[in-house]
Amino acid sequence: MKNDIRDSGIGIVGNLPSGNHFCQLHQTKEDLIDTHSFFKSRLENNELCIWITSQLFEVENAKKLFYL
């Protein structure tokens, strides 16, 4: 994988090289939803992503965020 710099999808984080790992701990459903922009931007660049959520957020809700 090339080490291209790409938009992280998270304003405060800025640009990151492709292949970076990112971890965010959350307390609320809204905190978790806020991380979806990072994953969406990575998926748009054909990168492999794993989004581990808690029981606060069900699979069907995640699919709606990513239009799957």
PDB file of N, CA and C in Angstrom:
ATOM      1  N   MET A   1       0.843  -1.172   0.000  1.00  0.00           N
ATOM      2  CA  MET A   1       0.000   0.000   0.000  1.00  0.00           C
ATOM      3  C   MET A   1       0.889   1.235   0.000  1.00  0.00           C
ATOM      4  N   LYS A   2       0.543   2.209  -0.816  1.00  0.00           N
ATOM      5  CA  LYS A   2       1.294   3.444  -0.883  1.00  0.00           C
ATOM      6  C   LYS A   2       1.063   4.249   0.398  1.00  0.00           C
ATOM      7  N   ASN A   3       2.005   5.073   0.739  1.00  0.00           N
ATOM      8  CA  ASN A   3       1.894   5.885   1.946  1.00  0.00           C
ATOM      9  C   ASN A   3       1.419   7.294   1.597  1.00  0.00           C
ATOM     10  N   ASP A   4       0.338   7.392   0.825  1.00  0.00           N
ATOM     11  CA  ASP A   4      -0.229   8.670   0.429  1.00  0.00           C
ATOM     12  C   ASP A   4      -0.876   9.357   1.624  1.00  0.00           C
ATOM     13  N   ILE A   5      -0.813  10.679   1.633  1.00  0.00           N
ATOM     14  CA  ILE A   5      -1.483  11.456   2.664  1.00  0.00           C
ATOM     15  C   ILE A   5      -2.922  11.667   2.221  1.00  0.00           C
ATOM     16  N   ARG A   6      -3.862  11.386   3.126  1.00  0.00           N
ATOM     17  CA  ARG A   6      -5.286  11.510   2.806  1.00  0.00           C
ATOM     18  C   ARG A   6      -6.019  12.195   3.940  1.00  0.00           C
ATOM     19  N   ASP A   7      -7.162  12.760   3.597  1.00  0.00           N
ATOM     20  CA  ASP A   7      -8.025  13.395   4.587  1.00  0.00           C
ATOM     21  C   ASP A   7      -8.539  12.328   5.544  1.00  0.00           C
ATOM     22  N   SER A   8      -8.387  12.552   6.835  1.00  0.00           N
ATOM     23  CA  SER A   8      -8.844  11.569   7.815  1.00  0.00           C
ATOM     24  C   SER A   8     -10.365  11.549   7.935  1.00  0.00           C
ATOM     25  N   GLY A   9     -11.013  12.628   7.503  1.00  0.00           N
ATOM     26  CA  GLY A   9     -12.457  12.727   7.690  1.00  0.00           C
ATOM     27  C   GLY A   9     -12.813  13.329   9.033  1.00  0.00           C
ATOM     28  N   ILE A  10     -11.811  13.601   9.853  1.00  0.00           N
ATOM     29  CA  ILE A  10     -12.025  14.190  11.175  1.00  0.00           C
ATOM     30  C   ILE A  10     -11.238  15.495  11.225  1.00  0.00           C
ATOM     31  N   GLY A  11     -11.955  16.613  11.258  1.00  0.00           N
ATOM     32  CA  GLY A  11     -11.338  17.920  11.173  1.00  0.00           C
ATOM     33  C   GLY A  11     -10.172  18.146  12.122  1.00  0.00           C
ATOM     34  N   ILE A  12     -10.335  17.780  13.366  1.00  0.00           N
ATOM     35  CA  ILE A  12      -9.288  18.030  14.362  1.00  0.00           C
ATOM     36  C   ILE A  12      -8.049  17.156  14.143  1.00  0.00           C
ATOM     37  N   VAL A  13      -8.215  16.013  13.479  1.00  0.00           N
ATOM     38  CA  VAL A  13      -7.097  15.107  13.203  1.00  0.00           C
ATOM     39  C   VAL A  13      -6.356  15.549  11.947  1.00  0.00           C
ATOM     40  N   GLY A  14      -7.088  16.021  10.943  1.00  0.00           N
ATOM     41  CA  GLY A  14      -6.463  16.467   9.698  1.00  0.00           C
ATOM     42  C   GLY A  14      -6.105  15.309   8.786  1.00  0.00           C
ATOM     43  N   ASN A  15      -5.019  15.465   8.043  1.00  0.00           N
ATOM     44  CA  ASN A  15      -4.585  14.460   7.077  1.00  0.00           C
ATOM     45  C   ASN A  15      -3.712  13.404   7.747  1.00  0.00           C
ATOM     46  N   LEU A  16      -3.842  12.168   7.258  1.00  0.00           N
ATOM     47  CA  LEU A  16      -3.050  11.046   7.764  1.00  0.00           C
ATOM     48  C   LEU A  16      -2.543  10.213   6.596  1.00  0.00           C
ATOM     49  N   PRO A  17      -1.395   9.558   6.758  1.00  0.00           N
ATOM     50  CA  PRO A  17      -0.952   8.627   5.713  1.00  0.00           C
ATOM     51  C   PRO A  17      -1.920   7.445   5.624  1.00  0.00           C
ATOM     52  N   SER A  18      -2.087   6.909   4.426  1.00  0.00           N
ATOM     53  CA  SER A  18      -2.928   5.721   4.291  1.00  0.00           C
ATOM     54  C   SER A  18      -2.316   4.592   5.113  1.00  0.00           C
ATOM     55  N   GLY A  19      -3.159   3.722   5.623  1.00  0.00           N
ATOM     56  CA  GLY A  19      -2.685   2.604   6.425  1.00  0.00           C
ATOM     57  C   GLY A  19      -2.534   2.925   7.902  1.00  0.00           C
ATOM     58  N   ASN A  20      -2.843   4.143   8.299  1.00  0.00           N
ATOM     59  CA  ASN A  20      -2.747   4.504   9.710  1.00  0.00           C
ATOM     60  C   ASN A  20      -3.827   3.810  10.524  1.00  0.00           C
ATOM     61  N   HIS A  21      -3.554   3.634  11.780  1.00  0.00           N
ATOM     62  CA  HIS A  21      -4.532   3.069  12.706  1.00  0.00           C
ATOM     63  C   HIS A  21      -5.083   4.208  13.543  1.00  0.00           C
ATOM     64  N   PHE A  22      -6.346   4.099  13.869  1.00  0.00           N
ATOM     65  CA  PHE A  22      -6.990   5.155  14.636  1.00  0.00           C
ATOM     66  C   PHE A  22      -7.908   4.505  15.658  1.00  0.00           C
ATOM     67  N   CYS A  23      -7.850   4.972  16.879  1.00  0.00           N
ATOM     68  CA  CYS A  23      -8.709   4.440  17.934  1.00  0.00           C
ATOM     69  C   CYS A  23      -9.346   5.596  18.679  1.00  0.00           C
ATOM     70  N   GLN A  24     -10.650   5.517  18.883  1.00  0.00           N
ATOM     71  CA  GLN A  24     -11.341   6.528  19.670  1.00  0.00           C
ATOM     72  C   GLN A  24     -12.247   5.815  20.653  1.00  0.00           C
ATOM     73  N   LEU A  25     -12.128   6.173  21.893  1.00  0.00           N
ATOM     74  CA  LEU A  25     -13.031   5.641  22.911  1.00  0.00           C
ATOM     75  C   LEU A  25     -14.254   6.537  22.958  1.00  0.00           C
ATOM     76  N   HIS A  26     -15.388   5.940  23.240  1.00  0.00           N
ATOM     77  CA  HIS A  26     -16.621   6.718  23.256  1.00  0.00           C
ATOM     78  C   HIS A  26     -17.432   6.416  24.507  1.00  0.00           C
ATOM     79  N   GLN A  27     -18.262   7.382  24.870  1.00  0.00           N
ATOM     80  CA  GLN A  27     -19.164   7.194  26.001  1.00  0.00           C
ATOM     81  C   GLN A  27     -20.624   7.210  25.576  1.00  0.00           C
ATOM     82  N   THR A  28     -20.911   7.890  24.483  1.00  0.00           N
ATOM     83  CA  THR A  28     -22.303   8.017  24.043  1.00  0.00           C
ATOM     84  C   THR A  28     -22.447   7.551  22.595  1.00  0.00           C
ATOM     85  N   LYS A  29     -23.671   7.338  22.209  1.00  0.00           N
ATOM     86  CA  LYS A  29     -23.977   6.963  20.829  1.00  0.00           C
ATOM     87  C   LYS A  29     -23.513   8.060  19.866  1.00  0.00           C
ATOM     88  N   GLU A  30     -23.681   9.313  20.259  1.00  0.00           N
ATOM     89  CA  GLU A  30     -23.274  10.439  19.424  1.00  0.00           C
ATOM     90  C   GLU A  30     -21.757  10.454  19.220  1.00  0.00           C
ATOM     91  N   ASP A  31     -20.991  10.134  20.274  1.00  0.00           N
ATOM     92  CA  ASP A  31     -19.533  10.039  20.148  1.00  0.00           C
ATOM     93  C   ASP A  31     -19.164   9.004  19.088  1.00  0.00           C
ATOM     94  N   LEU A  32     -19.842   7.891  19.114  1.00  0.00           N
ATOM     95  CA  LEU A  32     -19.568   6.807  18.175  1.00  0.00           C
ATOM     96  C   LEU A  32     -19.928   7.220  16.752  1.00  0.00           C
ATOM     97  N   ILE A  33     -21.055   7.860  16.575  1.00  0.00           N
ATOM     98  CA  ILE A  33     -21.485   8.310  15.254  1.00  0.00           C
ATOM     99  C   ILE A  33     -20.487   9.309  14.678  1.00  0.00           C
ATOM    100  N   ASP A  34     -19.901  10.140  15.531  1.00  0.00           N
ATOM    101  CA  ASP A  34     -18.931  11.134  15.069  1.00  0.00           C
ATOM    102  C   ASP A  34     -17.709  10.509  14.409  1.00  0.00           C
ATOM    103  N   THR A  35     -17.400   9.251  14.710  1.00  0.00           N
ATOM    104  CA  THR A  35     -16.223   8.604  14.116  1.00  0.00           C
ATOM    105  C   THR A  35     -16.491   8.072  12.714  1.00  0.00           C
ATOM    106  N   HIS A  36     -17.734   8.025  12.289  1.00  0.00           N
ATOM    107  CA  HIS A  36     -18.045   7.408  11.003  1.00  0.00           C
ATOM    108  C   HIS A  36     -17.387   8.135   9.835  1.00  0.00           C
ATOM    109  N   SER A  37     -17.153   9.438   9.955  1.00  0.00           N
ATOM    110  CA  SER A  37     -16.540  10.172   8.844  1.00  0.00           C
ATOM    111  C   SER A  37     -15.126   9.670   8.553  1.00  0.00           C
ATOM    112  N   PHE A  38     -14.392   9.258   9.586  1.00  0.00           N
ATOM    113  CA  PHE A  38     -13.057   8.690   9.389  1.00  0.00           C
ATOM    114  C   PHE A  38     -13.149   7.420   8.550  1.00  0.00           C
ATOM    115  N   PHE A  39     -14.046   6.531   8.930  1.00  0.00           N
ATOM    116  CA  PHE A  39     -14.180   5.262   8.224  1.00  0.00           C
ATOM    117  C   PHE A  39     -14.707   5.465   6.809  1.00  0.00           C
ATOM    118  N   LYS A  40     -15.649   6.370   6.663  1.00  0.00           N
ATOM    119  CA  LYS A  40     -16.199   6.624   5.337  1.00  0.00           C
ATOM    120  C   LYS A  40     -15.113   7.122   4.390  1.00  0.00           C
ATOM    121  N   SER A  41     -14.271   8.050   4.857  1.00  0.00           N
ATOM    122  CA  SER A  41     -13.212   8.565   3.981  1.00  0.00           C
ATOM    123  C   SER A  41     -12.207   7.477   3.625  1.00  0.00           C
ATOM    124  N   ARG A  42     -11.914   6.580   4.550  1.00  0.00           N
ATOM    125  CA  ARG A  42     -10.983   5.478   4.274  1.00  0.00           C
ATOM    126  C   ARG A  42     -11.592   4.468   3.306  1.00  0.00           C
ATOM    127  N   LEU A  43     -12.855   4.149   3.477  1.00  0.00           N
ATOM    128  CA  LEU A  43     -13.514   3.214   2.571  1.00  0.00           C
ATOM    129  C   LEU A  43     -13.591   3.783   1.157  1.00  0.00           C
ATOM    130  N   GLU A  44     -13.802   5.100   1.041  1.00  0.00           N
ATOM    131  CA  GLU A  44     -13.839   5.734  -0.277  1.00  0.00           C
ATOM    132  C   GLU A  44     -12.484   5.631  -0.983  1.00  0.00           C
ATOM    133  N   ASN A  45     -11.415   5.434  -0.208  1.00  0.00           N
ATOM    134  CA  ASN A  45     -10.070   5.266  -0.776  1.00  0.00           C
ATOM    135  C   ASN A  45      -9.674   3.792  -0.849  1.00  0.00           C
ATOM    136  N   ASN A  46     -10.671   2.908  -0.790  1.00  0.00           N
ATOM    137  CA  ASN A  46     -10.468   1.462  -0.910  1.00  0.00           C
ATOM    138  C   ASN A  46      -9.534   0.883   0.149  1.00  0.00           C
ATOM    139  N   GLU A  47      -9.593   1.429   1.358  1.00  0.00           N
ATOM    140  CA  GLU A  47      -8.792   0.899   2.455  1.00  0.00           C
ATOM    141  C   GLU A  47      -9.652  -0.045   3.290  1.00  0.00           C
ATOM    142  N   LEU A  48      -9.015  -0.997   3.908  1.00  0.00           N
ATOM    143  CA  LEU A  48      -9.698  -1.945   4.773  1.00  0.00           C
ATOM    144  C   LEU A  48      -9.954  -1.295   6.129  1.00  0.00           C
ATOM    145  N   CYS A  49     -11.189  -1.366   6.592  1.00  0.00           N
ATOM    146  CA  CYS A  49     -11.556  -0.762   7.880  1.00  0.00           C
ATOM    147  C   CYS A  49     -12.355  -1.742   8.722  1.00  0.00           C
ATOM    148  N   ILE A  50     -12.137  -1.654  10.010  1.00  0.00           N
ATOM    149  CA  ILE A  50     -12.943  -2.414  10.968  1.00  0.00           C
ATOM    150  C   ILE A  50     -13.489  -1.414  11.975  1.00  0.00           C
ATOM    151  N   TRP A  51     -14.805  -1.405  12.115  1.00  0.00           N
ATOM    152  CA  TRP A  51     -15.448  -0.492  13.054  1.00  0.00           C
ATOM    153  C   TRP A  51     -16.089  -1.341  14.139  1.00  0.00           C
ATOM    154  N   ILE A  52     -15.516  -1.318  15.300  1.00  0.00           N
ATOM    155  CA  ILE A  52     -16.032  -2.089  16.425  1.00  0.00           C
ATOM    156  C   ILE A  52     -16.877  -1.159  17.267  1.00  0.00           C
ATOM    157  N   THR A  53     -18.124  -1.538  17.441  1.00  0.00           N
ATOM    158  CA  THR A  53     -19.037  -0.694  18.201  1.00  0.00           C
ATOM    159  C   THR A  53     -19.543  -1.434  19.426  1.00  0.00           C
ATOM    160  N   SER A  54     -20.298  -0.738  20.211  1.00  0.00           N
ATOM    161  CA  SER A  54     -20.885  -1.345  21.401  1.00  0.00           C
ATOM    162  C   SER A  54     -22.368  -1.594  21.151  1.00  0.00           C
ATOM    163  N   GLN A  55     -23.045  -2.019  22.177  1.00  0.00           N
ATOM    164  CA  GLN A  55     -24.480  -2.265  22.050  1.00  0.00           C
ATOM    165  C   GLN A  55     -25.270  -0.966  21.878  1.00  0.00           C
ATOM    166  N   LEU A  56     -24.592   0.174  22.022  1.00  0.00           N
ATOM    167  CA  LEU A  56     -25.253   1.452  21.797  1.00  0.00           C
ATOM    168  C   LEU A  56     -25.685   1.614  20.345  1.00  0.00           C
ATOM    169  N   PHE A  57     -25.039   0.865  19.461  1.00  0.00           N
ATOM    170  CA  PHE A  57     -25.229   1.085  18.038  1.00  0.00           C
ATOM    171  C   PHE A  57     -25.357  -0.246  17.324  1.00  0.00           C
ATOM    172  N   GLU A  58     -26.501  -0.491  16.734  1.00  0.00           N
ATOM    173  CA  GLU A  58     -26.749  -1.769  16.076  1.00  0.00           C
ATOM    174  C   GLU A  58     -26.268  -1.756  14.627  1.00  0.00           C
ATOM    175  N   VAL A  59     -26.090  -2.926  14.065  1.00  0.00           N
ATOM    176  CA  VAL A  59     -25.580  -3.091  12.702  1.00  0.00           C
ATOM    177  C   VAL A  59     -26.424  -2.317  11.691  1.00  0.00           C
ATOM    178  N   GLU A  60     -27.710  -2.391  11.804  1.00  0.00           N
ATOM    179  CA  GLU A  60     -28.577  -1.711  10.836  1.00  0.00           C
ATOM    180  C   GLU A  60     -28.361  -0.199  10.863  1.00  0.00           C
ATOM    181  N   ASN A  61     -28.109   0.363  12.043  1.00  0.00           N
ATOM    182  CA  ASN A  61     -27.836   1.802  12.128  1.00  0.00           C
ATOM    183  C   ASN A  61     -26.511   2.142  11.471  1.00  0.00           C
ATOM    184  N   ALA A  62     -25.517   1.293  11.628  1.00  0.00           N
ATOM    185  CA  ALA A  62     -24.216   1.509  10.991  1.00  0.00           C
ATOM    186  C   ALA A  62     -24.362   1.455   9.473  1.00  0.00           C
ATOM    187  N   LYS A  63     -25.117   0.512   8.968  1.00  0.00           N
ATOM    188  CA  LYS A  63     -25.324   0.389   7.521  1.00  0.00           C
ATOM    189  C   LYS A  63     -25.969   1.643   6.965  1.00  0.00           C
ATOM    190  N   LYS A  64     -26.892   2.237   7.708  1.00  0.00           N
ATOM    191  CA  LYS A  64     -27.555   3.458   7.256  1.00  0.00           C
ATOM    192  C   LYS A  64     -26.562   4.615   7.144  1.00  0.00           C
ATOM    193  N   LEU A  65     -25.612   4.681   8.069  1.00  0.00           N
ATOM    194  CA  LEU A  65     -24.604   5.751   8.013  1.00  0.00           C
ATOM    195  C   LEU A  65     -23.732   5.638   6.777  1.00  0.00           C
ATOM    196  N   PHE A  66     -23.451   4.398   6.354  1.00  0.00           N
ATOM    197  CA  PHE A  66     -22.563   4.163   5.215  1.00  0.00           C
ATOM    198  C   PHE A  66     -23.338   3.835   3.944  1.00  0.00           C
ATOM    199  N   TYR A  67     -24.668   3.915   4.001  1.00  0.00           N
ATOM    200  CA  TYR A  67     -25.518   3.647   2.845  1.00  0.00           C
ATOM    201  C   TYR A  67     -25.302   2.264   2.278  1.00  0.00           C
ATOM    202  N   LEU A  68     -25.109   1.270   3.141  1.00  0.00           N
ATOM    203  CA  LEU A  68     -24.908  -0.113   2.682  1.00  0.00           C
ATOM    204  C   LEU A  68     -26.223  -0.844   2.554  1.00  0.00           C
TER     205      LEU A  68
END
